[in-house]
Each structure stands twice: as C-alpha cells, then as structure tokens.
Amino acid sequence: MSSLISKITGALSSDLVFLATLFVLIYICVIYFSRTRIISLIISFYPASLLYKLFPYTDKLLLMEGNIGIFLNKLIIFLVFYIITNIALSRFFHSYTDYSTTPRKLGLSLAILVLILLFSYTIANFDVLHNFSDKIDALFAVGDRVFWWAIVPLVIMLFV
C-alpha cells in the first residue's frame, strides 16, 4: 500500500500535492465561515501587505533566529497588521442574504490560495515549510507578475 502511495505522490509534483492539500484546508474553512467573512479576509490582505512593506522596524523586531524564527517573526508582524485591518474593514461589510453555492466556495478558496502564494513570494518565504519548484517560482517571482497575480483574487470575487 505504501509503495502505491509513493508511486502516486512521485508521479504528482510535490507542489501539486502541497497546493491541493492547502486548497482542501482552505475550502473547509470557507464552508465554515460566511461569504461576508471570507470576502473581508481577502480584502484585508491588500492594505495589510502594504502596511507590512511600509513598516520600518520589520528587521529590528526579530525575536527569534534561524530560518523558522525569521519566518515566524515576519508572519507575526504581518498578522498584527492583518488582524487590525480585518477588524477595521469588517465593519463596512454587511451580510449577504444569498447563500453560497459550491462554485462560489471553490472560487473564494482559489482566491485565498493565490493570496497565500503571494504572501509566500512577497512577505515571508515559505521555504521552511515547502520549497516550491522553479515552475512556480517563475510564475510568482517576477515583480510584474506579482501585480497581475494580486488582481486575480479581485477578479474572482467579481464573479462569485
């Protein structure tokens, strides 16, 4: 049985397995939370990332050392900005009366997955958790492409 699983995972790229697992976890969260809350979470990413990039003390607030420590430091600083931004913005979003269908939930899950990848390439590198292949790096590493990938969740929200 384990040889069959190793053959299947060997046939699939480790990036695909990691992203599919992450997508399923995000989809479960999208099912649990309301559409209003998920849209608030998506919109909050943009001002929080701007505040993080403009914050002058990011390198001086390093409390932990090592690769994992630096990742956790950046993650905590970003989460502070993210939570504050989300609390402020969630007051402006009102509950939708329509129910979320499966395509809407899948679309919102895809939007969050793209934002997580953007987070990995622009704020805190995920290399301590998973080192993406050169193909994924080529999609997100270039500055112009980051801009276009940042628009993708907004376009998805337009249609869901």
Protein backbone atom coordinates (compact mmCIF):
# COMPACT_ATOMS: atom_id res chain seq x y z
CA MET A 1 0.00 0.00 0.00
CA SER A 2 2.78 2.44 0.87
CA SER A 3 4.56 1.70 -2.42
CA LEU A 4 1.37 2.61 -4.28
CA ILE A 5 1.11 5.87 -2.37
CA SER A 6 4.77 6.65 -3.03
CA LYS A 7 4.28 5.97 -6.74
CA ILE A 8 1.24 8.26 -6.85
CA THR A 9 2.97 11.07 -4.98
CA GLY A 10 6.10 10.52 -7.06
CA ALA A 11 4.03 10.90 -10.20
CA LEU A 12 2.49 14.07 -8.89
CA SER A 13 4.63 17.04 -8.24
CA SER A 14 5.22 17.86 -4.59
CA ASP A 15 3.97 21.36 -5.40
CA LEU A 16 0.69 19.97 -6.65
CA VAL A 17 0.23 17.82 -3.55
CA PHE A 18 1.08 20.76 -1.26
CA LEU A 19 -1.24 23.18 -3.09
CA ALA A 20 -4.07 20.64 -3.30
CA THR A 21 -3.82 19.92 0.43
CA LEU A 22 -3.76 23.63 1.17
CA PHE A 23 -6.75 24.17 -1.13
CA VAL A 24 -8.78 21.48 0.66
CA LEU A 25 -7.98 23.03 4.05
CA ILE A 26 -8.98 26.47 2.76
CA TYR A 27 -12.19 25.04 1.27
CA ILE A 28 -13.12 23.56 4.64
CA CYS A 29 -12.61 26.99 6.23
CA VAL A 30 -14.69 28.66 3.51
CA ILE A 31 -17.51 26.21 4.18
CA TYR A 32 -17.37 27.03 7.88
CA PHE A 33 -17.25 30.83 7.60
CA SER A 34 -19.77 33.05 5.87
CA ARG A 35 -19.20 34.61 2.48
CA THR A 36 -19.05 38.06 4.06
CA ARG A 37 -16.28 36.99 6.43
CA ILE A 38 -14.23 35.39 3.64
CA ILE A 39 -14.52 38.46 1.42
CA SER A 40 -13.43 40.60 4.35
CA LEU A 41 -10.43 38.32 4.84
CA ILE A 42 -9.48 38.60 1.17
CA ILE A 43 -9.84 42.38 1.00
CA SER A 44 -7.87 42.82 4.25
CA PHE A 45 -4.81 41.22 2.68
CA TYR A 46 -4.09 44.20 0.43
CA PRO A 47 -3.84 47.01 3.00
CA ALA A 48 -2.12 44.68 5.49
CA SER A 49 0.59 43.80 2.98
CA LEU A 50 1.06 47.48 2.16
CA LEU A 51 1.37 48.35 5.86
CA TYR A 52 3.83 45.49 6.34
CA LYS A 53 6.02 46.67 3.48
CA LEU A 54 5.96 50.27 4.76
CA PHE A 55 6.67 49.29 8.37
CA PRO A 56 10.24 50.47 9.07
CA TYR A 57 11.02 48.18 12.02
CA THR A 58 10.46 44.79 10.46
CA ASP A 59 14.15 43.84 10.59
CA LYS A 60 14.62 45.27 14.09
CA LEU A 61 11.76 43.31 15.68
CA LEU A 62 13.33 39.92 15.13
CA LEU A 63 12.71 37.98 18.33
CA MET A 64 13.74 34.55 17.02
CA GLU A 65 16.70 33.38 14.99
CA GLY A 66 17.15 30.82 12.27
CA ASN A 67 15.07 30.24 9.17
CA ILE A 68 11.94 29.20 11.03
CA GLY A 69 12.36 32.02 13.55
CA ILE A 70 12.64 34.69 10.86
CA PHE A 71 9.61 33.23 9.08
CA LEU A 72 7.60 33.27 12.31
CA ASN A 73 8.70 36.83 13.08
CA LYS A 74 7.56 38.05 9.68
CA LEU A 75 4.34 36.08 9.98
CA ILE A 76 3.53 37.54 13.41
CA ILE A 77 4.23 41.11 12.30
CA PHE A 78 2.07 40.61 9.22
CA LEU A 79 -0.72 39.03 11.26
CA VAL A 80 -0.80 42.04 13.58
CA PHE A 81 -1.39 44.32 10.59
CA TYR A 82 -3.77 41.81 9.03
CA ILE A 83 -5.95 41.41 12.12
CA ILE A 84 -6.16 45.15 12.74
CA THR A 85 -7.03 45.77 9.09
CA ASN A 86 -9.57 42.95 9.07
CA ILE A 87 -11.31 44.28 12.19
CA ALA A 88 -11.46 47.75 10.67
CA LEU A 89 -12.71 46.59 7.27
CA SER A 90 -15.20 44.00 8.54
CA ARG A 91 -17.32 46.82 9.94
CA PHE A 92 -18.01 48.00 6.39
CA PHE A 93 -19.14 44.63 5.04
CA HIS A 94 -22.74 43.65 5.53
CA SER A 95 -24.11 40.15 5.45
CA TYR A 96 -25.25 38.84 2.13
CA THR A 97 -28.67 37.30 2.11
CA ASP A 98 -27.91 34.88 -0.69
CA TYR A 99 -26.43 31.52 0.11
CA SER A 100 -23.01 30.44 -1.08
CA THR A 101 -23.04 27.78 -3.72
CA THR A 102 -20.25 25.29 -4.30
CA PRO A 103 -18.75 27.23 -7.25
CA ARG A 104 -18.66 30.37 -5.11
CA LYS A 105 -16.94 28.49 -2.31
CA LEU A 106 -14.44 27.00 -4.74
CA GLY A 107 -13.76 30.43 -6.23
CA LEU A 108 -13.21 32.02 -2.84
CA SER A 109 -10.93 29.13 -1.89
CA LEU A 110 -8.91 29.68 -5.06
CA ALA A 111 -8.66 33.40 -4.31
CA ILE A 112 -7.31 32.69 -0.83
CA LEU A 113 -4.84 30.15 -2.24
CA VAL A 114 -3.49 32.78 -4.64
CA LEU A 115 -3.15 35.23 -1.75
CA ILE A 116 -1.22 32.66 0.27
CA LEU A 117 1.16 32.17 -2.65
CA LEU A 118 1.53 35.94 -2.94
CA PHE A 119 2.26 36.07 0.77
CA SER A 120 4.96 33.47 0.29
CA TYR A 121 6.67 35.36 -2.51
CA THR A 122 6.28 38.92 -1.28
CA ILE A 123 6.29 38.89 2.52
CA ALA A 124 7.56 35.72 4.21
CA ASN A 125 9.21 32.96 2.22
CA PHE A 126 7.63 29.52 2.69
CA ASP A 127 10.91 27.68 2.10
CA VAL A 128 10.89 26.46 5.70
CA LEU A 129 7.51 24.80 5.09
CA HIS A 130 7.74 23.91 1.41
CA ASN A 131 10.24 24.86 -1.27
CA PHE A 132 8.33 25.48 -4.48
CA SER A 133 9.76 24.29 -7.76
CA ASP A 134 11.25 26.54 -10.41
CA LYS A 135 7.99 26.48 -12.37
CA ILE A 136 6.03 28.03 -9.51
CA ASP A 137 8.91 30.40 -8.79
CA ALA A 138 8.80 31.59 -12.40
CA LEU A 139 5.09 32.36 -12.06
CA PHE A 140 5.38 34.46 -8.91
CA ALA A 141 8.96 35.67 -8.52
CA VAL A 142 8.98 38.39 -11.17
CA GLY A 143 7.69 41.81 -9.99
CA ASP A 144 5.33 42.37 -12.93
CA ARG A 145 3.69 39.01 -12.46
CA VAL A 146 3.12 39.64 -8.76
CA PHE A 147 0.94 42.60 -9.71
CA TRP A 148 -1.16 40.51 -12.09
CA TRP A 149 -1.48 37.68 -9.58
CA ALA A 150 -2.64 40.21 -6.97
CA ILE A 151 -5.51 41.15 -9.28
CA VAL A 152 -6.67 37.53 -9.70
CA PRO A 153 -8.49 37.31 -6.30
CA LEU A 154 -10.30 40.57 -7.03
CA VAL A 155 -11.44 39.27 -10.40
CA ILE A 156 -12.59 36.03 -8.79
CA MET A 157 -14.59 37.99 -6.23
CA LEU A 158 -16.19 39.92 -9.07
CA PHE A 159 -17.68 36.70 -10.43
CA VAL A 160 -18.56 34.91 -7.20
